[in-house]
């Protein structure tokens, strides 16, 4: 995978976070990455998930494929008894 662009943007339309699958409205600040994984595509990540991925990559990073899989944060919420990414971040920070 080659990363063509990776920056914070204010979204101009409703977007879904790649990691937690929550929907964010126009005007929200999100991380946008354009890459060449399976063709050229873009993904958006909310600020909380971006912090989770940066601080705790061992929970989310797929070593085999060298990527953060789609819905990686959403899928471990129940494992840590968290209702949302903010709760998960709080719980992981306290470990």
Protein backbone atom coordinates (compact mmCIF):
# COMPACT_ATOMS: atom_id res chain seq x y z
CA UNK A 1 0.00 0.00 0.00
CA UNK A 2 1.27 3.45 -0.90
CA UNK A 3 -0.05 6.49 0.94
CA UNK A 4 -0.67 9.33 -1.49
CA UNK A 5 -2.04 11.82 1.06
CA UNK A 6 -2.59 11.79 4.82
CA UNK A 7 -3.95 14.95 6.46
CA UNK A 8 -6.60 16.44 8.71
CA UNK A 9 -9.54 17.90 6.82
CA UNK A 10 -12.86 19.51 7.63
CA UNK A 11 -15.29 17.22 5.86
CA UNK A 12 -17.60 18.78 3.30
CA UNK A 13 -20.22 16.04 3.48
CA UNK A 14 -21.32 13.32 5.88
CA UNK A 15 -18.60 10.67 6.34
CA UNK A 16 -18.26 7.39 8.20
CA UNK A 17 -15.21 6.75 10.38
CA UNK A 18 -13.20 3.87 8.95
CA UNK A 19 -12.29 2.53 12.40
CA UNK A 20 -15.43 2.89 14.55
CA UNK A 21 -18.08 3.12 11.80
CA UNK A 22 -19.81 6.14 13.39
CA UNK A 23 -21.23 8.77 11.04
CA UNK A 24 -19.96 12.36 11.24
CA UNK A 25 -21.65 15.45 9.85
CA UNK A 26 -20.32 18.04 7.47
CA UNK A 27 -17.91 20.44 9.21
CA UNK A 28 -16.27 17.83 11.45
CA UNK A 29 -12.48 17.59 11.56
CA UNK A 30 -11.34 14.11 10.46
CA UNK A 31 -8.16 12.48 9.26
CA UNK A 32 -8.30 11.67 5.52
CA UNK A 33 -5.92 9.21 3.96
CA UNK A 34 -5.74 8.53 0.22
CA UNK A 35 -3.91 5.31 -0.62
CA UNK A 36 -3.41 2.69 -3.27
CA UNK A 37 -4.58 -0.40 -1.37
CA UNK A 38 -6.77 -2.37 -3.82
CA UNK A 39 -6.84 0.63 -6.20
CA UNK A 40 -6.92 4.28 -5.24
CA UNK A 41 -9.25 5.01 -2.36
CA UNK A 42 -9.74 7.25 0.62
CA UNK A 43 -10.73 6.62 4.20
CA UNK A 44 -11.70 8.97 7.01
CA UNK A 45 -10.93 8.52 10.68
CA UNK A 46 -12.40 10.48 13.62
CA UNK A 47 -10.12 12.18 16.14
CA UNK A 48 -10.78 9.64 18.91
CA UNK A 49 -10.01 6.66 16.69
CA UNK A 50 -6.92 8.39 15.33
CA UNK A 51 -5.68 8.75 18.91
CA UNK A 52 -6.48 5.09 19.65
CA UNK A 53 -4.64 3.89 16.55
CA UNK A 54 -1.60 6.05 17.33
CA UNK A 55 -1.35 5.25 21.05
CA UNK A 56 -2.40 1.58 21.03
CA UNK A 57 -1.55 0.08 17.62
CA UNK A 58 -1.10 -3.44 19.04
CA UNK A 59 -4.87 -3.68 19.54
CA UNK A 60 -5.78 -2.69 16.00
CA UNK A 61 -2.92 -3.22 13.54
CA UNK A 62 -3.03 -6.38 11.41
CA UNK A 63 0.61 -7.52 11.26
CA UNK A 64 -0.17 -10.02 8.51
CA UNK A 65 -1.62 -7.47 6.08
CA UNK A 66 0.25 -4.43 7.46
CA UNK A 67 -2.94 -2.36 7.73
CA UNK A 68 -5.55 -1.16 10.20
CA UNK A 69 -8.60 -3.19 9.11
CA UNK A 70 -11.90 -1.45 8.56
CA UNK A 71 -14.02 -1.35 11.75
CA UNK A 72 -10.99 -2.31 13.89
CA UNK A 73 -12.04 -0.05 16.78
CA UNK A 74 -15.72 -1.00 16.55
CA UNK A 75 -14.87 -4.69 16.75
CA UNK A 76 -13.03 -4.50 20.08
CA UNK A 77 -15.45 -2.25 21.97
CA UNK A 78 -17.25 -5.24 23.52
CA UNK A 79 -13.97 -6.95 24.43
CA UNK A 80 -13.17 -4.00 26.69
CA UNK A 81 -16.77 -3.38 27.81
CA UNK A 82 -16.85 0.06 26.20
CA UNK A 83 -19.89 1.66 24.58
CA UNK A 84 -17.96 3.99 22.29
CA UNK A 85 -14.40 4.87 21.25
CA UNK A 86 -14.14 7.59 23.92
CA UNK A 87 -14.84 5.03 26.68
CA UNK A 88 -12.37 2.63 25.09
CA UNK A 89 -9.68 5.31 25.03
CA UNK A 90 -10.29 6.06 28.72
CA UNK A 91 -10.09 2.37 29.64
CA UNK A 92 -6.91 1.73 27.64
CA UNK A 93 -5.25 4.85 29.08
CA UNK A 94 -5.90 3.55 32.60
CA UNK A 95 -4.18 0.18 31.99
